[in-house]
PDB file of N, CA and C in Angstrom:
ATOM      1  N   THR A   1     135.056  59.646 102.583  1.00  0.00           N
ATOM      2  CA  THR A   1     135.960  60.918 102.655  1.00  0.00           C
ATOM      3  C   THR A   1     136.448  61.386 101.273  1.00  0.00           C
ATOM      4  N   ASP A   2     136.746  62.649 101.265  1.00  0.00           N
ATOM      5  CA  ASP A   2     137.171  63.296 100.066  1.00  0.00           C
ATOM      6  C   ASP A   2     138.377  62.890  99.756  1.00  0.00           C
ATOM      7  N   PRO A   3     138.720  62.548  98.558  1.00  0.00           N
ATOM      8  CA  PRO A   3     139.896  62.086  98.011  1.00  0.00           C
ATOM      9  C   PRO A   3     141.047  63.204  98.044  1.00  0.00           C
ATOM     10  N   VAL A   4     140.475  64.300  97.909  1.00  0.00           N
ATOM     11  CA  VAL A   4     141.520  65.662  97.735  1.00  0.00           C
ATOM     12  C   VAL A   4     141.910  65.860  99.174  1.00  0.00           C
ATOM     13  N   SER A   5     141.185  65.617 100.328  1.00  0.00           N
ATOM     14  CA  SER A   5     141.281  65.867 101.671  1.00  0.00           C
ATOM     15  C   SER A   5     142.489  64.804 101.940  1.00  0.00           C
ATOM     16  N   GLN A   6     142.145  63.473 101.703  1.00  0.00           N
ATOM     17  CA  GLN A   6     143.104  62.372 102.024  1.00  0.00           C
ATOM     18  C   GLN A   6     144.494  62.591 101.339  1.00  0.00           C
ATOM     19  N   PHE A   7     144.365  63.192 100.017  1.00  0.00           N
ATOM     20  CA  PHE A   7     145.678  63.485  99.415  1.00  0.00           C
ATOM     21  C   PHE A   7     146.582  64.378 100.172  1.00  0.00           C
ATOM     22  N   PHE A   8     145.983  65.584 100.475  1.00  0.00           N
ATOM     23  CA  PHE A   8     146.734  66.488 101.436  1.00  0.00           C
ATOM     24  C   PHE A   8     147.138  65.817 102.926  1.00  0.00           C
ATOM     25  N   ASP A   9     146.386  65.278 103.385  1.00  0.00           N
ATOM     26  CA  ASP A   9     146.497  64.683 104.677  1.00  0.00           C
ATOM     27  C   ASP A   9     147.829  63.718 104.570  1.00  0.00           C
ATOM     28  N   TRP A  10     147.591  62.990 103.640  1.00  0.00           N
ATOM     29  CA  TRP A  10     148.744  61.841 103.221  1.00  0.00           C
ATOM     30  C   TRP A  10     150.056  62.837 103.021  1.00  0.00           C
ATOM     31  N   ILE A  11     150.241  63.890 102.366  1.00  0.00           N
ATOM     32  CA  ILE A  11     151.286  64.530 102.175  1.00  0.00           C
ATOM     33  C   ILE A  11     152.005  65.161 103.471  1.00  0.00           C
ATOM     34  N   GLN A  12     150.993  65.745 104.235  1.00  0.00           N
ATOM     35  CA  GLN A  12     151.232  66.374 105.422  1.00  0.00           C
ATOM     36  C   GLN A  12     151.933  65.419 106.469  1.00  0.00           C
ATOM     37  N   ALA A  13     151.205  64.303 106.490  1.00  0.00           N
ATOM     38  CA  ALA A  13     151.609  62.957 107.351  1.00  0.00           C
ATOM     39  C   ALA A  13     152.961  62.661 106.975  1.00  0.00           C
ATOM     40  N   GLY A  14     153.018  62.342 105.716  1.00  0.00           N
ATOM     41  CA  GLY A  14     154.433  61.841 105.105  1.00  0.00           C
ATOM     42  C   GLY A  14     155.878  62.833 105.159  1.00  0.00           C
ATOM     43  N   ILE A  15     155.413  64.231 105.174  1.00  0.00           N
ATOM     44  CA  ILE A  15     156.500  65.249 105.512  1.00  0.00           C
ATOM     45  C   ILE A  15     156.855  64.887 106.928  1.00  0.00           C
ATOM     46  N   ARG A  16     155.880  65.093 107.871  1.00  0.00           N
ATOM     47  CA  ARG A  16     155.935  65.039 109.111  1.00  0.00           C
ATOM     48  C   ARG A  16     156.797  63.678 109.751  1.00  0.00           C
ATOM     49  N   LYS A  17     156.521  62.613 109.133  1.00  0.00           N
ATOM     50  CA  LYS A  17     157.182  61.239 109.567  1.00  0.00           C
ATOM     51  C   LYS A  17     158.484  61.034 108.956  1.00  0.00           C
ATOM     52  N   GLY A  18     158.913  61.977 107.731  1.00  0.00           N
ATOM     53  CA  GLY A  18     160.164  61.871 107.024  1.00  0.00           C
ATOM     54  C   GLY A  18     159.943  60.952 105.802  1.00  0.00           C
ATOM     55  N   GLN A  19     158.674  60.470 105.699  1.00  0.00           N
ATOM     56  CA  GLN A  19     158.457  59.422 104.467  1.00  0.00           C
ATOM     57  C   GLN A  19     158.527  60.057 103.195  1.00  0.00           C
ATOM     58  N   LEU A  20     158.120  61.534 103.065  1.00  0.00           N
ATOM     59  CA  LEU A  20     158.273  62.162 101.851  1.00  0.00           C
ATOM     60  C   LEU A  20     159.185  63.212 102.071  1.00  0.00           C
ATOM     61  N   LYS A  21     160.058  63.138 101.100  1.00  0.00           N
ATOM     62  CA  LYS A  21     161.283  64.198 101.218  1.00  0.00           C
ATOM     63  C   LYS A  21     160.942  65.447 100.580  1.00  0.00           C
ATOM     64  N   VAL A  22     161.651  66.516 100.860  1.00  0.00           N
ATOM     65  CA  VAL A  22     161.478  67.872 100.455  1.00  0.00           C
ATOM     66  C   VAL A  22     162.606  68.492  99.906  1.00  0.00           C
ATOM     67  N   ASN A  23     162.785  68.983  98.741  1.00  0.00           N
ATOM     68  CA  ASN A  23     164.118  69.842  98.265  1.00  0.00           C
ATOM     69  C   ASN A  23     164.944  68.750  98.439  1.00  0.00           C
ATOM     70  N   GLN A  24     164.884  67.311  98.058  1.00  0.00           N
ATOM     71  CA  GLN A  24     166.182  66.529  97.763  1.00  0.00           C
ATOM     72  C   GLN A  24     166.005  66.191  96.592  1.00  0.00           C
ATOM     73  N   ALA A  25     167.091  65.599  96.135  1.00  0.00           N
ATOM     74  CA  ALA A  25     167.235  64.666  94.621  1.00  0.00           C
ATOM     75  C   ALA A  25     166.033  63.955  94.501  1.00  0.00           C
ATOM     76  N   LYS A  26     165.266  63.794  93.765  1.00  0.00           N
ATOM     77  CA  LYS A  26     164.233  62.805  93.439  1.00  0.00           C
ATOM     78  C   LYS A  26     162.988  63.022  94.196  1.00  0.00           C
ATOM     79  N   ALA A  27     163.056  64.140  95.074  1.00  0.00           N
ATOM     80  CA  ALA A  27     161.826  64.359  95.835  1.00  0.00           C
ATOM     81  C   ALA A  27     160.762  64.715  95.113  1.00  0.00           C
ATOM     82  N   ARG A  28     159.521  64.476  95.455  1.00  0.00           N
ATOM     83  CA  ARG A  28     158.496  65.009  94.706  1.00  0.00           C
ATOM     84  C   ARG A  28     157.794  66.278  95.215  1.00  0.00           C
ATOM     85  N   ILE A  29     158.365  66.898  96.269  1.00  0.00           N
ATOM     86  CA  ILE A  29     157.856  68.432  96.850  1.00  0.00           C
ATOM     87  C   ILE A  29     159.348  68.911  97.000  1.00  0.00           C
ATOM     88  N   HIS A  30     158.798  70.240  96.500  1.00  0.00           N
ATOM     89  CA  HIS A  30     159.898  71.424  96.519  1.00  0.00           C
ATOM     90  C   HIS A  30     159.372  72.488  96.885  1.00  0.00           C
ATOM     91  N   VAL A  31     160.109  73.464  97.549  1.00  0.00           N
ATOM     92  CA  VAL A  31     159.690  74.809  97.890  1.00  0.00           C
ATOM     93  C   VAL A  31     160.487  75.515  97.059  1.00  0.00           C
ATOM     94  N   VAL A  32     159.709  76.390  96.393  1.00  0.00           N
ATOM     95  CA  VAL A  32     160.293  77.538  95.319  1.00  0.00           C
ATOM     96  C   VAL A  32     159.869  78.863  95.882  1.00  0.00           C
ATOM     97  N   ASP A  33     160.193  79.823  95.080  1.00  0.00           N
ATOM     98  CA  ASP A  33     160.035  81.244  95.415  1.00  0.00           C
ATOM     99  C   ASP A  33     158.673  81.646  95.572  1.00  0.00           C
ATOM    100  N   GLU A  34     157.888  80.827  94.598  1.00  0.00           N
ATOM    101  CA  GLU A  34     156.491  81.069  94.415  1.00  0.00           C
ATOM    102  C   GLU A  34     155.489  80.310  95.112  1.00  0.00           C
ATOM    103  N   GLY A  35     156.115  79.371  95.892  1.00  0.00           N
ATOM    104  CA  GLY A  35     155.401  78.424  96.750  1.00  0.00           C
ATOM    105  C   GLY A  35     155.865  77.084  96.908  1.00  0.00           C
ATOM    106  N   ILE A  36     154.987  76.341  96.738  1.00  0.00           N
ATOM    107  CA  ILE A  36     155.322  74.643  96.754  1.00  0.00           C
ATOM    108  C   ILE A  36     155.053  73.930  95.571  1.00  0.00           C
ATOM    109  N   ILE A  37     155.885  73.131  95.003  1.00  0.00           N
ATOM    110  CA  ILE A  37     155.484  72.433  93.787  1.00  0.00           C
ATOM    111  C   ILE A  37     155.569  71.094  94.186  1.00  0.00           C
ATOM    112  N   LEU A  38     154.475  70.385  93.600  1.00  0.00           N
ATOM    113  CA  LEU A  38     154.319  68.862  93.637  1.00  0.00           C
ATOM    114  C   LEU A  38     154.728  68.417  92.069  1.00  0.00           C
ATOM    115  N   VAL A  39     155.772  67.387  92.096  1.00  0.00           N
ATOM    116  CA  VAL A  39     156.011  66.986  90.863  1.00  0.00           C
ATOM    117  C   VAL A  39     154.890  65.999  90.416  1.00  0.00           C
ATOM    118  N   THR A  40     154.647  66.174  89.131  1.00  0.00           N
ATOM    119  CA  THR A  40     153.441  65.265  88.608  1.00  0.00           C
ATOM    120  C   THR A  40     153.965  64.653  87.407  1.00  0.00           C
ATOM    121  N   PRO A  41     153.664  63.523  87.109  1.00  0.00           N
ATOM    122  CA  PRO A  41     152.565  62.965  87.760  1.00  0.00           C
ATOM    123  C   PRO A  41     153.128  62.196  89.065  1.00  0.00           C
ATOM    124  N   GLY A  42     154.338  62.009  89.499  1.00  0.00           N
ATOM    125  CA  GLY A  42     154.829  61.495  90.312  1.00  0.00           C
ATOM    126  C   GLY A  42     154.353  61.281  91.617  1.00  0.00           C
ATOM    127  N   ILE A  43     153.867  62.419  92.325  1.00  0.00           N
ATOM    128  CA  ILE A  43     153.380  62.504  93.677  1.00  0.00           C
ATOM    129  C   ILE A  43     151.946  61.771  93.686  1.00  0.00           C
ATOM    130  N   PHE A  44     151.199  61.901  92.460  1.00  0.00           N
ATOM    131  CA  PHE A  44     149.850  61.484  92.385  1.00  0.00           C
ATOM    132  C   PHE A  44     150.089  60.078  92.337  1.00  0.00           C
ATOM    133  N   GLN A  45     151.099  59.439  91.626  1.00  0.00           N
ATOM    134  CA  GLN A  45     150.944  58.038  91.395  1.00  0.00           C
ATOM    135  C   GLN A  45     151.398  57.461  92.757  1.00  0.00           C
ATOM    136  N   ASP A  46     152.388  58.085  93.500  1.00  0.00           N
ATOM    137  CA  ASP A  46     152.933  57.660  94.761  1.00  0.00           C
ATOM    138  C   ASP A  46     151.619  57.597  95.753  1.00  0.00           C
ATOM    139  N   PHE A  47     150.730  58.593  95.814  1.00  0.00           N
ATOM    140  CA  PHE A  47     149.434  58.404  96.755  1.00  0.00           C
ATOM    141  C   PHE A  47     148.485  57.440  96.001  1.00  0.00           C
ATOM    142  N   ALA A  48     148.318  57.109  94.866  1.00  0.00           N
ATOM    143  CA  ALA A  48     147.358  56.151  94.390  1.00  0.00           C
ATOM    144  C   ALA A  48     148.045  54.816  94.782  1.00  0.00           C
ATOM    145  N   GLN A  49     149.107  54.396  94.988  1.00  0.00           N
ATOM    146  CA  GLN A  49     149.861  53.217  95.359  1.00  0.00           C
ATOM    147  C   GLN A  49     150.104  53.128  96.829  1.00  0.00           C
ATOM    148  N   SER A  50     149.579  54.184  97.572  1.00  0.00           N
ATOM    149  CA  SER A  50     150.007  54.184  98.837  1.00  0.00           C
ATOM    150  C   SER A  50     148.715  53.633  99.662  1.00  0.00           C
ATOM    151  N   SER A  51     148.805  52.951 100.879  1.00  0.00           N
ATOM    152  CA  SER A  51     147.968  52.486 101.507  1.00  0.00           C
ATOM    153  C   SER A  51     146.943  53.261 102.242  1.00  0.00           C
ATOM    154  N   ALA A  52     147.487  54.460 102.175  1.00  0.00           N
ATOM    155  CA  ALA A  52     146.605  55.393 102.774  1.00  0.00           C
ATOM    156  C   ALA A  52     145.471  55.898 101.733  1.00  0.00           C
ATOM    157  N   ASN A  53     145.466  55.529 100.342  1.00  0.00           N
ATOM    158  CA  ASN A  53     144.481  55.768  99.587  1.00  0.00           C
ATOM    159  C   ASN A  53     143.442  54.614  99.622  1.00  0.00           C
ATOM    160  N   SER A  54     142.540  54.558 100.391  1.00  0.00           N
ATOM    161  CA  SER A  54     141.706  53.615 100.650  1.00  0.00           C
ATOM    162  C   SER A  54     140.586  53.516  99.463  1.00  0.00           C
ATOM    163  N   ASN A  55     140.431  54.625  98.797  1.00  0.00           N
ATOM    164  CA  ASN A  55     139.582  54.653  97.421  1.00  0.00           C
ATOM    165  C   ASN A  55     139.950  53.949  96.192  1.00  0.00           C
ATOM    166  N   ASP A  56     141.236  53.605  96.190  1.00  0.00           N
ATOM    167  CA  ASP A  56     141.812  52.847  95.193  1.00  0.00           C
ATOM    168  C   ASP A  56     141.492  53.494  93.950  1.00  0.00           C
ATOM    169  N   LEU A  57     141.565  54.963  93.728  1.00  0.00           N
ATOM    170  CA  LEU A  57     141.286  55.761  92.668  1.00  0.00           C
ATOM    171  C   LEU A  57     142.498  55.737  91.709  1.00  0.00           C
ATOM    172  N   ALA A  58     142.549  55.935  90.589  1.00  0.00           N
ATOM    173  CA  ALA A  58     143.751  55.979  89.626  1.00  0.00           C
ATOM    174  C   ALA A  58     144.318  57.226  89.812  1.00  0.00           C
ATOM    175  N   TRP A  59     145.574  57.327  89.828  1.00  0.00           N
ATOM    176  CA  TRP A  59     146.367  58.682  89.843  1.00  0.00           C
ATOM    177  C   TRP A  59     145.776  59.964  89.271  1.00  0.00           C
ATOM    178  N   SER A  60     145.410  59.509  87.895  1.00  0.00           N
ATOM    179  CA  SER A  60     144.765  60.865  87.086  1.00  0.00           C
ATOM    180  C   SER A  60     143.412  61.229  87.696  1.00  0.00           C
ATOM    181  N   VAL A  61     142.850  60.207  88.263  1.00  0.00           N
ATOM    182  CA  VAL A  61     141.631  60.990  88.905  1.00  0.00           C
ATOM    183  C   VAL A  61     141.976  61.745  90.034  1.00  0.00           C
ATOM    184  N   ILE A  62     142.886  61.353  90.839  1.00  0.00           N
ATOM    185  CA  ILE A  62     143.038  62.099  91.938  1.00  0.00           C
ATOM    186  C   ILE A  62     143.683  63.435  91.556  1.00  0.00           C
ATOM    187  N   GLN A  63     144.688  63.569  90.656  1.00  0.00           N
ATOM    188  CA  GLN A  63     145.097  64.922  90.175  1.00  0.00           C
ATOM    189  C   GLN A  63     144.081  65.513  89.471  1.00  0.00           C
ATOM    190  N   GLN A  64     143.066  65.046  88.837  1.00  0.00           N
ATOM    191  CA  GLN A  64     142.002  65.852  88.384  1.00  0.00           C
ATOM    192  C   GLN A  64     141.208  66.414  89.244  1.00  0.00           C
ATOM    193  N   LYS A  65     140.744  65.639  90.532  1.00  0.00           N
ATOM    194  CA  LYS A  65     140.117  66.418  91.588  1.00  0.00           C
ATOM    195  C   LYS A  65     140.775  67.279  92.336  1.00  0.00           C
ATOM    196  N   VAL A  66     142.205  67.089  92.509  1.00  0.00           N
ATOM    197  CA  VAL A  66     142.917  68.249  92.966  1.00  0.00           C
ATOM    198  C   VAL A  66     143.107  69.556  92.195  1.00  0.00           C
ATOM    199  N   LEU A  67     142.978  69.510  91.129  1.00  0.00           N
ATOM    200  CA  LEU A  67     143.002  70.648  90.124  1.00  0.00           C
ATOM    201  C   LEU A  67     141.772  71.285  90.095  1.00  0.00           C
ATOM    202  N   LYS A  68     140.760  70.474  90.251  1.00  0.00           N
ATOM    203  CA  LYS A  68     139.469  70.914  89.956  1.00  0.00           C
ATOM    204  C   LYS A  68     138.838  71.976  91.157  1.00  0.00           C
ATOM    205  N   LYS A  69     139.891  71.800  92.563  1.00  0.00           N
ATOM    206  CA  LYS A  69     139.611  72.698  93.447  1.00  0.00           C
ATOM    207  C   LYS A  69     140.028  74.243  93.150  1.00  0.00           C
ATOM    208  N   ASN A  70     140.888  74.106  92.181  1.00  0.00           N
ATOM    209  CA  ASN A  70     141.387  75.589  91.645  1.00  0.00           C
ATOM    210  C   ASN A  70     142.352  76.233  92.775  1.00  0.00           C
ATOM    211  N   TRP A  71     143.043  75.423  93.445  1.00  0.00           N
ATOM    212  CA  TRP A  71     143.798  76.032  94.450  1.00  0.00           C
ATOM    213  C   TRP A  71     145.375  76.310  93.819  1.00  0.00           C
ATOM    214  N   HIS A  72     145.581  75.740  92.905  1.00  0.00           N
ATOM    215  CA  HIS A  72     146.847  75.855  92.160  1.00  0.00           C
ATOM    216  C   HIS A  72     147.246  77.140  91.436  1.00  0.00           C
ATOM    217  N   VAL A  73     148.207  77.383  91.043  1.00  0.00           N
ATOM    218  CA  VAL A  73     148.702  78.620  90.021  1.00  0.00           C
ATOM    219  C   VAL A  73     148.955  77.856  88.764  1.00  0.00           C
ATOM    220  N   ARG A  74     148.223  78.554  87.564  1.00  0.00           N
ATOM    221  CA  ARG A  74     148.373  77.971  86.287  1.00  0.00           C
ATOM    222  C   ARG A  74     149.657  78.747  85.725  1.00  0.00           C
ATOM    223  N   ASP A  75     150.213  78.165  84.674  1.00  0.00           N
ATOM    224  CA  ASP A  75     151.354  78.546  84.040  1.00  0.00           C
ATOM    225  C   ASP A  75     150.914  80.091  83.212  1.00  0.00           C
ATOM    226  N   ALA A  76     151.819  80.621  82.402  1.00  0.00           N
ATOM    227  CA  ALA A  76     151.645  81.766  81.795  1.00  0.00           C
ATOM    228  C   ALA A  76     150.617  81.667  80.614  1.00  0.00           C
ATOM    229  N   LYS A  77     150.442  80.310  80.210  1.00  0.00           N
ATOM    230  CA  LYS A  77     149.484  80.161  79.216  1.00  0.00           C
ATOM    231  C   LYS A  77     148.093  79.619  79.670  1.00  0.00           C
ATOM    232  N   GLY A  78     148.038  79.629  80.968  1.00  0.00           N
ATOM    233  CA  GLY A  78     146.704  79.121  81.616  1.00  0.00           C
ATOM    234  C   GLY A  78     146.951  77.605  81.780  1.00  0.00           C
ATOM    235  N   LEU A  79     147.920  76.991  81.581  1.00  0.00           N
ATOM    236  CA  LEU A  79     147.834  75.480  81.627  1.00  0.00           C
ATOM    237  C   LEU A  79     148.243  75.173  83.266  1.00  0.00           C
ATOM    238  N   ASN A  80     147.527  74.070  83.722  1.00  0.00           N
ATOM    239  CA  ASN A  80     147.576  73.639  85.158  1.00  0.00           C
ATOM    240  C   ASN A  80     148.808  73.026  85.536  1.00  0.00           C
ATOM    241  N   VAL A  81     149.822  72.555  84.481  1.00  0.00           N
ATOM    242  CA  VAL A  81     151.115  72.181  85.032  1.00  0.00           C
ATOM    243  C   VAL A  81     152.218  73.290  84.623  1.00  0.00           C
ATOM    244  N   VAL A  82     153.007  73.279  85.643  1.00  0.00           N
ATOM    245  CA  VAL A  82     154.106  74.442  85.448  1.00  0.00           C
ATOM    246  C   VAL A  82     155.398  73.725  85.173  1.00  0.00           C
ATOM    247  N   LYS A  83     156.144  74.222  84.276  1.00  0.00           N
ATOM    248  CA  LYS A  83     157.418  73.673  84.059  1.00  0.00           C
ATOM    249  C   LYS A  83     158.569  74.295  84.918  1.00  0.00           C
ATOM    250  N   TYR A  84     159.429  73.372  85.415  1.00  0.00           N
ATOM    251  CA  TYR A  84     160.511  74.066  86.181  1.00  0.00           C
ATOM    252  C   TYR A  84     161.872  73.126  85.554  1.00  0.00           C
ATOM    253  N   GLN A  85     162.924  74.024  85.829  1.00  0.00           N
ATOM    254  CA  GLN A  85     164.136  73.525  85.341  1.00  0.00           C
ATOM    255  C   GLN A  85     164.939  73.330  86.587  1.00  0.00           C
ATOM    256  N   ILE A  86     165.565  72.012  86.768  1.00  0.00           N
ATOM    257  CA  ILE A  86     166.540  71.609  87.857  1.00  0.00           C
ATOM    258  C   ILE A  86     167.835  71.978  87.158  1.00  0.00           C
ATOM    259  N   LYS A  87     168.752  72.648  87.895  1.00  0.00           N
ATOM    260  CA  LYS A  87     170.020  72.919  87.530  1.00  0.00           C
ATOM    261  C   LYS A  87     170.901  72.367  88.408  1.00  0.00           C
ATOM    262  N   GLY A  88     171.572  71.456  88.135  1.00  0.00           N
ATOM    263  CA  GLY A  88     172.474  70.816  89.028  1.00  0.00           C
ATOM    264  C   GLY A  88     174.210  71.145  88.617  1.00  0.00           C
ATOM    265  N   LYS A  89     175.238  70.543  89.139  1.00  0.00           N
ATOM    266  CA  LYS A  89     176.383  70.697  88.703  1.00  0.00           C
ATOM    267  C   LYS A  89     176.735  70.595  87.319  1.00  0.00           C
ATOM    268  N   ASN A  90     176.217  69.389  86.857  1.00  0.00           N
ATOM    269  CA  ASN A  90     176.770  68.949  85.446  1.00  0.00           C
ATOM    270  C   ASN A  90     175.472  68.902  84.626  1.00  0.00           C
ATOM    271  N   LYS A  91     174.208  68.875  84.985  1.00  0.00           N
ATOM    272  CA  LYS A  91     173.294  68.468  84.011  1.00  0.00           C
ATOM    273  C   LYS A  91     172.018  69.426  84.442  1.00  0.00           C
ATOM    274  N   SER A  92     171.142  69.755  83.575  1.00  0.00           N
ATOM    275  CA  SER A  92     169.799  70.531  83.764  1.00  0.00           C
ATOM    276  C   SER A  92     168.742  69.549  83.280  1.00  0.00           C
ATOM    277  N   THR A  93     167.772  69.548  84.022  1.00  0.00           N
ATOM    278  CA  THR A  93     166.342  68.622  83.759  1.00  0.00           C
ATOM    279  C   THR A  93     165.088  69.476  83.823  1.00  0.00           C
ATOM    280  N   ALA A  94     164.248  69.141  83.011  1.00  0.00           N
ATOM    281  CA  ALA A  94     162.960  69.979  83.178  1.00  0.00           C
ATOM    282  C   ALA A  94     161.971  68.821  83.949  1.00  0.00           C
ATOM    283  N   ILE A  95     161.079  69.547  84.758  1.00  0.00           N
ATOM    284  CA  ILE A  95     160.180  68.906  85.559  1.00  0.00           C
ATOM    285  C   ILE A  95     158.805  69.301  85.348  1.00  0.00           C
ATOM    286  N   ASN A  96     157.822  68.599  85.293  1.00  0.00           N
ATOM    287  CA  ASN A  96     156.391  69.338  85.352  1.00  0.00           C
ATOM    288  C   ASN A  96     155.770  68.991  86.921  1.00  0.00           C
ATOM    289  N   ALA A  97     155.192  70.213  87.264  1.00  0.00           N
ATOM    290  CA  ALA A  97     154.752  70.361  88.710  1.00  0.00           C
ATOM    291  C   ALA A  97     153.412  71.010  88.780  1.00  0.00           C
ATOM    292  N   VAL A  98     152.795  70.802  89.654  1.00  0.00           N
ATOM    293  CA  VAL A  98     151.681  71.651  90.155  1.00  0.00           C
ATOM    294  C   VAL A  98     152.087  72.526  91.228  1.00  0.00           C
ATOM    295  N   LEU A  99     151.950  73.710  91.022  1.00  0.00           N
ATOM    296  CA  LEU A  99     152.178  74.891  92.148  1.00  0.00           C
ATOM    297  C   LEU A  99     151.206  75.599  92.837  1.00  0.00           C
ATOM    298  N   PHE A 100     151.478  75.276  94.266  1.00  0.00           N
ATOM    299  CA  PHE A 100     150.459  75.988  95.260  1.00  0.00           C
ATOM    300  C   PHE A 100     151.182  77.318  95.747  1.00  0.00           C
ATOM    301  N   GLN A 101     150.406  78.252  96.046  1.00  0.00           N
ATOM    302  CA  GLN A 101     151.149  79.451  96.520  1.00  0.00           C
ATOM    303  C   GLN A 101     150.729  79.383  98.128  1.00  0.00           C
ATOM    304  N   ASP A 102     149.738  78.560  98.541  1.00  0.00           N
ATOM    305  CA  ASP A 102     149.207  78.383  99.781  1.00  0.00           C
ATOM    306  C   ASP A 102     150.348  77.165 100.535  1.00  0.00           C
ATOM    307  N   LYS A 103     151.062  77.744 101.225  1.00  0.00           N
ATOM    308  CA  LYS A 103     152.088  76.674 101.790  1.00  0.00           C
ATOM    309  C   LYS A 103     151.469  75.802 102.743  1.00  0.00           C
ATOM    310  N   THR A 104     150.337  76.134 103.210  1.00  0.00           N
ATOM    311  CA  THR A 104     149.748  75.435 104.564  1.00  0.00           C
ATOM    312  C   THR A 104     148.966  74.260 103.881  1.00  0.00           C
ATOM    313  N   ARG A 105     148.590  74.195 102.642  1.00  0.00           N
ATOM    314  CA  ARG A 105     148.179  72.938 102.141  1.00  0.00           C
ATOM    315  C   ARG A 105     149.188  71.627 102.089  1.00  0.00           C
ATOM    316  N   ILE A 106     150.258  72.026 102.000  1.00  0.00           N
ATOM    317  CA  ILE A 106     151.333  71.095 101.975  1.00  0.00           C
ATOM    318  C   ILE A 106     152.070  70.963 103.380  1.00  0.00           C
ATOM    319  N   PHE A 107     152.119  72.023 103.919  1.00  0.00           N
ATOM    320  CA  PHE A 107     153.006  71.661 105.418  1.00  0.00           C
ATOM    321  C   PHE A 107     152.168  72.015 106.565  1.00  0.00           C
ATOM    322  N   GLY A 108     150.658  72.330 106.533  1.00  0.00           N
ATOM    323  CA  GLY A 108     150.038  72.416 107.537  1.00  0.00           C
ATOM    324  C   GLY A 108     150.459  73.791 108.329  1.00  0.00           C
ATOM    325  N   GLY A 109     150.447  73.590 109.479  1.00  0.00           N
ATOM    326  CA  GLY A 109     150.998  75.117 110.229  1.00  0.00           C
ATOM    327  C   GLY A 109     152.245  74.753 110.305  1.00  0.00           C
ATOM    328  N   ARG A 110     153.204  74.097 110.004  1.00  0.00           N
ATOM    329  CA  ARG A 110     154.318  73.945 109.897  1.00  0.00           C
ATOM    330  C   ARG A 110     155.325  74.897 109.110  1.00  0.00           C
ATOM    331  N   GLU A 111     156.446  75.410 109.370  1.00  0.00           N
ATOM    332  CA  GLU A 111     157.268  76.325 108.443  1.00  0.00           C
ATOM    333  C   GLU A 111     157.794  75.401 107.538  1.00  0.00           C
ATOM    334  N   PRO A 112     157.812  75.906 106.222  1.00  0.00           N
ATOM    335  CA  PRO A 112     158.626  75.012 105.229  1.00  0.00           C
ATOM    336  C   PRO A 112     159.880  75.280 105.270  1.00  0.00           C
ATOM    337  N   PRO A 113     160.766  74.427 104.497  1.00  0.00           N
ATOM    338  CA  PRO A 113     162.066  74.756 104.599  1.00  0.00           C
ATOM    339  C   PRO A 113     162.394  75.970 103.427  1.00  0.00           C
ATOM    340  N   ALA A 114     163.600  76.466 103.457  1.00  0.00           N
ATOM    341  CA  ALA A 114     163.765  77.403 102.491  1.00  0.00           C
ATOM    342  C   ALA A 114     163.751  77.114 101.062  1.00  0.00           C
ATOM    343  N   SER A 115     163.617  78.098 100.029  1.00  0.00           N
ATOM    344  CA  SER A 115     163.421  77.511  98.604  1.00  0.00           C
ATOM    345  C   SER A 115     164.619  76.753  98.169  1.00  0.00           C
ATOM    346  N   ASN A 116     164.223  75.880  97.340  1.00  0.00           N
ATOM    347  CA  ASN A 116     165.342  74.868  96.621  1.00  0.00           C
ATOM    348  C   ASN A 116     166.085  75.711  95.756  1.00  0.00           C
ATOM    349  N   PRO A 117     167.403  76.113  95.944  1.00  0.00           N
ATOM    350  CA  PRO A 117     167.942  76.894  94.897  1.00  0.00           C
ATOM    351  C   PRO A 117     168.369  76.445  93.581  1.00  0.00           C
ATOM    352  N   HIS A 118     167.878  75.288  93.438  1.00  0.00           N
ATOM    353  CA  HIS A 118     168.265  74.476  92.042  1.00  0.00           C
ATOM    354  C   HIS A 118     167.093  74.464  90.908  1.00  0.00           C
ATOM    355  N   LEU A 119     166.037  75.155  91.533  1.00  0.00           N
ATOM    356  CA  LEU A 119     164.840  75.007  90.628  1.00  0.00           C
ATOM    357  C   LEU A 119     164.570  76.299  90.228  1.00  0.00           C
ATOM    358  N   PHE A 120     164.008  76.484  88.972  1.00  0.00           N
ATOM    359  CA  PHE A 120     163.517  77.639  88.216  1.00  0.00           C
ATOM    360  C   PHE A 120     162.483  77.557  87.462  1.00  0.00           C
ATOM    361  N   ARG A 121     161.480  78.427  87.526  1.00  0.00           N
ATOM    362  CA  ARG A 121     160.380  78.419  86.879  1.00  0.00           C
ATOM    363  C   ARG A 121     160.669  78.705  85.332  1.00  0.00           C
ATOM    364  N   LYS A 122     160.290  77.922  84.207  1.00  0.00           N
ATOM    365  CA  LYS A 122     160.726  78.060  82.905  1.00  0.00           C
ATOM    366  C   LYS A 122     159.697  79.119  82.156  1.00  0.00           C
ATOM    367  N   ASP A 123     158.637  79.326  82.609  1.00  0.00           N
ATOM    368  CA  ASP A 123     157.646  80.337  81.873  1.00  0.00           C
ATOM    369  C   ASP A 123     157.907  81.747  82.414  1.00  0.00           C
ATOM    370  N   ARG A 124     158.771  81.972  83.412  1.00  0.00           N
ATOM    371  CA  ARG A 124     158.872  83.222  83.982  1.00  0.00           C
ATOM    372  C   ARG A 124     159.819  84.172  82.965  1.00  0.00           C
ATOM    373  N   VAL A 125     159.379  85.062  82.775  1.00  0.00           N
ATOM    374  CA  VAL A 125     160.022  86.233  81.962  1.00  0.00           C
ATOM    375  C   VAL A 125     160.986  86.705  83.067  1.00  0.00           C
ATOM    376  N   THR A 126     162.352  86.733  82.610  1.00  0.00           N
ATOM    377  CA  THR A 126     163.284  87.395  83.496  1.00  0.00           C
ATOM    378  C   THR A 126     163.779  88.749  82.599  1.00  0.00           C
ATOM    379  N   VAL A 127     164.164  89.830  83.254  1.00  0.00           N
ATOM    380  CA  VAL A 127     164.586  90.999  82.857  1.00  0.00           C
ATOM    381  C   VAL A 127     165.947  91.260  83.248  1.00  0.00           C
ATOM    382  N   ASP A 128     167.006  91.244  82.493  1.00  0.00           N
ATOM    383  CA  ASP A 128     168.624  91.402  83.029  1.00  0.00           C
ATOM    384  C   ASP A 128     168.596  92.876  83.189  1.00  0.00           C
TER     385      ASP A 128
END
């Protein structure tokens, strides 16, 4: 079986079963205005370590295979990884993520939750 299909099936099953958190502190999956982000490399490392990954591929190989499908959105410089800023009450942290506009890749036919109000894309140009 295709490891990319296995990866997305694992995500959808994990969300459905409540094993993978969405829009929570330390979650690897977040809904943003632009689509869905997967925190990298964490989500790929989690998959590589899961029992669902019978191929025993390294997380970097899985990430590479997912990116080769070209289903993700690149940043302003054309890079695969998009930087986001998490803004909490007392601190702000940057994370790296892979952004998908197609929400069905992550949520299947289910409706995703509302966008996480604490996440902001760093390479976005804002005009006041």
